[in-house]
Structure formats: structure tokens, C-alpha cells
Amino acid sequence: MGIFSNIYNKIFHHASDAAPASTPAAATDAPAAAAPAAAPAPAVAVPVVDVEVVLVDLASKNAEKLNWRTSIVDLMKLLQLDSSLASRKELAQELHFTGDTNDSASMNIWLHRQVMIKLAENGGKVPDALKN
């Protein structure tokens, strides 16, 4: 599993753990036996996760004041992931960074932006301010 997958899972699982349990709506129009046996399973709507709300919640529970809104290092720390340079270089490779990974400042800015964009592309509600 890649580093972005770890970031995604930490955020989306936290959101599902924090959400109140709800029961799926039962179909009341027709009995279950009326559905054809060969019918494909209905598409399951994946709930949109408000990434900012999740991260604000995590930050409120963290004793360390982290600048996760602009820092990939702090974002990874907030999610309790390895934020070492080696780990960030691996994330950069995973997200197809074409710049110089030895220029960690530029790489870090790019990584934070890309992670937020990728979260939005994969079902996260991410404010524009976090994607720029």
C-alpha cells in the first residue's frame, strides 16, 4: 500500500469512525422477493468526506500545534504517518513529481497541493484554499 493510500485511509476511516451509525433505508415499495434474481447490485453511493472537518477534528485532539493546512510534514504528523524526507520522496515518486526531490521546500509545497487535489478526486470535499 502506498503512502497516499495511507493518507487517504487515515482521513476516510476517521470520518467513518466519527460519523454516527445509520441504518440503510429499506425499500418499502416492493417486497424483497419481487426483485429479479439476476439483477445487478445497486450502485452504492459513497458518502463525501469533508477532509477539512476531519483534519480540524484530529488537530483539536492533538497536543502538538501542527500547520497541516500548508505543510505536508505536519499533515503527515497529524495523521501519525512517517514524515521523514525519505517518506516524502517516496510519496513524490508515487504522485509523479517531476521536480528535484533534493529541493525539499518546492517538493513539499507540491506534495501538499497534490495530496489535497487527489483527496478531492477520490471523494473528499476539499476547500479550494487547501488545493492551492
Protein backbone atom coordinates (compact mmCIF):
# COMPACT_ATOMS: atom_id res chain seq x y z
CA MET A 1 0.00 0.00 0.00
CA GLY A 2 1.36 3.41 -0.93
CA ILE A 3 1.80 6.47 1.20
CA PHE A 4 -1.09 8.30 -0.47
CA SER A 5 -3.30 5.29 0.28
CA ASN A 6 -2.26 5.56 3.92
CA ILE A 7 -3.16 9.27 3.98
CA TYR A 8 -6.48 8.56 2.28
CA ASN A 9 -7.32 5.70 4.65
CA LYS A 10 -6.46 7.68 7.78
CA ILE A 11 -8.75 10.54 6.73
CA PHE A 12 -11.62 8.50 5.31
CA HIS A 13 -11.63 5.91 8.10
CA HIS A 14 -11.53 8.63 10.74
CA ALA A 15 -14.55 10.21 9.06
CA SER A 16 -16.46 6.92 9.03
CA ASP A 17 -15.48 6.19 12.63
CA ALA A 18 -16.65 9.64 13.73
CA ALA A 19 -19.93 9.52 11.78
CA PRO A 20 -22.96 8.29 13.66
CA ALA A 21 -24.09 4.85 12.64
CA SER A 22 -27.08 4.94 10.36
CA THR A 23 -29.26 2.20 9.07
CA PRO A 24 -29.70 1.92 5.33
CA ALA A 25 -33.10 2.87 4.04
CA ALA A 26 -35.21 -0.19 3.40
CA ALA A 27 -37.24 -0.43 0.23
CA THR A 28 -40.85 -0.27 1.26
CA ASP A 29 -42.48 -0.15 -2.17
CA ALA A 30 -41.99 -3.81 -3.05
CA PRO A 31 -41.13 -6.96 -1.16
CA ALA A 32 -37.58 -8.23 -1.48
CA ALA A 33 -38.75 -11.35 -3.31
CA ALA A 34 -40.04 -9.19 -6.18
CA ALA A 35 -36.53 -8.23 -7.28
CA PRO A 36 -35.22 -10.36 -10.15
CA ALA A 37 -32.54 -12.79 -9.04
CA ALA A 38 -30.17 -11.85 -11.88
CA ALA A 39 -30.39 -8.09 -11.32
CA PRO A 40 -27.07 -6.38 -10.69
CA ALA A 41 -26.46 -4.98 -7.25
CA PRO A 42 -27.49 -1.33 -6.97
CA ALA A 43 -24.70 1.20 -7.07
CA VAL A 44 -23.72 2.19 -3.57
CA ALA A 45 -23.36 5.91 -3.09
CA VAL A 46 -20.07 6.65 -1.41
CA PRO A 47 -20.51 9.47 1.08
CA VAL A 48 -18.41 12.54 0.50
CA VAL A 49 -15.90 13.08 3.31
CA ASP A 50 -15.25 16.65 4.39
CA VAL A 51 -11.46 16.48 4.60
CA GLU A 52 -11.11 19.82 6.38
CA VAL A 53 -13.59 18.82 9.11
CA VAL A 54 -11.75 15.54 9.69
CA LEU A 55 -8.36 17.27 9.90
CA VAL A 56 -9.66 20.02 12.18
CA ASP A 57 -11.08 17.32 14.46
CA LEU A 58 -7.78 15.44 14.52
CA ALA A 59 -5.87 18.67 15.17
CA SER A 60 -8.15 19.57 18.08
CA LYS A 61 -7.23 16.25 19.73
CA ASN A 62 -3.51 16.65 19.11
CA ALA A 63 -1.35 18.28 21.79
CA GLU A 64 1.11 19.49 19.16
CA LYS A 65 0.07 22.55 17.16
CA LEU A 66 0.60 21.48 13.57
CA ASN A 67 0.36 23.62 10.45
CA TRP A 68 -1.36 20.87 8.45
CA ARG A 69 -3.13 23.38 6.17
CA THR A 70 0.10 24.19 4.31
CA SER A 71 2.73 21.72 5.49
CA ILE A 72 2.90 18.16 4.17
CA VAL A 73 5.19 17.29 7.08
CA ASP A 74 2.64 18.49 9.63
CA LEU A 75 -0.21 16.85 7.72
CA MET A 76 1.60 13.52 7.86
CA LYS A 77 2.42 14.02 11.55
CA LEU A 78 -1.24 14.79 12.24
CA LEU A 79 -2.18 11.51 10.57
CA GLN A 80 0.53 9.70 12.56
CA LEU A 81 2.45 8.78 9.42
CA ASP A 82 6.19 8.83 8.80
CA SER A 83 7.01 12.37 7.63
CA SER A 84 10.71 11.78 7.02
CA LEU A 85 12.37 13.10 3.89
CA ALA A 86 12.66 9.54 2.58
CA SER A 87 8.93 9.02 3.07
CA ARG A 88 8.10 12.30 1.34
CA LYS A 89 10.39 11.42 -1.56
CA GLU A 90 8.53 8.12 -1.87
CA LEU A 91 5.21 10.00 -1.88
CA ALA A 92 6.61 12.36 -4.52
CA GLN A 93 7.53 9.39 -6.72
CA GLU A 94 4.10 7.84 -6.16
CA LEU A 95 2.37 11.09 -7.23
CA HIS A 96 4.72 11.55 -10.22
CA PHE A 97 6.66 14.60 -9.05
CA THR A 98 8.93 15.70 -11.90
CA GLY A 99 10.94 18.28 -9.99
CA ASP A 100 14.14 17.92 -7.99
CA THR A 101 13.46 15.88 -4.85
CA ASN A 102 16.60 17.43 -3.33
CA ASP A 103 14.74 20.77 -3.33
CA SER A 104 12.61 19.68 -0.39
CA ALA A 105 10.87 23.05 0.03
CA SER A 106 9.47 23.02 -3.52
CA MET A 107 8.70 19.32 -3.31
CA ASN A 108 6.84 19.76 -0.01
CA ILE A 109 4.67 22.56 -1.37
CA TRP A 110 3.88 20.48 -4.45
CA LEU A 111 3.15 17.39 -2.33
CA HIS A 112 0.69 19.18 -0.06
CA ARG A 113 -1.20 20.60 -3.05
CA GLN A 114 -1.24 17.24 -4.87
CA VAL A 115 -2.40 15.31 -1.82
CA MET A 116 -5.34 17.71 -1.39
CA ILE A 117 -6.18 17.50 -5.11
CA LYS A 118 -6.01 13.69 -5.03
CA LEU A 119 -8.20 13.56 -1.93
CA ALA A 120 -10.77 15.70 -3.76
CA GLU A 121 -10.57 13.45 -6.83
CA ASN A 122 -11.25 10.42 -4.64
CA GLY A 123 -14.39 11.52 -2.81
CA GLY A 124 -13.08 14.15 -0.46
CA LYS A 125 -14.62 17.57 -0.06
CA VAL A 126 -11.56 19.83 -0.03
CA PRO A 127 -11.84 23.63 0.06
CA ASP A 128 -10.07 25.44 -2.78
CA ALA A 129 -7.80 27.15 -0.23
CA LEU A 130 -6.28 23.76 0.61
CA LYS A 131 -5.78 22.82 -3.04
CA ASN A 132 -3.84 25.98 -3.94
